[in-house]
């Protein structure tokens, strides 16, 4: 199985600095995010979304709100013939709860393996928009791609990072084109 891991906010949907997407009406796709998902879909890649959503445990929105956003996101993607998202995994814990599933820790990736069997992460990519995503990808041994459509907006910001991404692209469409061509 050709597998790609993606963060949600800042990769597929807009990133809201100092806030969360709390209800479907606040969710907006990044146009090049949809294009990238379509490219991966058409090339036979399966996608798993791994996202920190601490707003739930902060009491800003409920797990039902989060599930509704996910359901509607998947329905909208299906309308565009994007059917390759295997599953969406969320960590709803706050940083202070120090759980094992909050990126950059690898608990959600272990959950993926429980659900889908052993994964050779070295043959996968993790695409995200922040240093936390890149560290998480590094921690599981995946190739890491940073897209500049979310939290991180420029290559300059990366200079201070201890762990650098393997690749940097303007958006998910460029990242997907690279992956499909490279593989």
Foldseek 3Di string as FASTA:
>chain_A
DAEEEEEPDLAQWDADPPDADAAQVSTDGDVLSLLLLVLCQVLPYAYEYEYEAQCCVVVVHHVVRVVNNVVVVQVVSVVVVRNRHPYYDYHNHDVVVVDQRDFVHAVVVVVVCVVPNDDPQCSYEYEYADLRSQSSSVVSNHQYEHECRYPHPDPVVQPPRPGHHPYYYPGSNVVSVVVSVVD
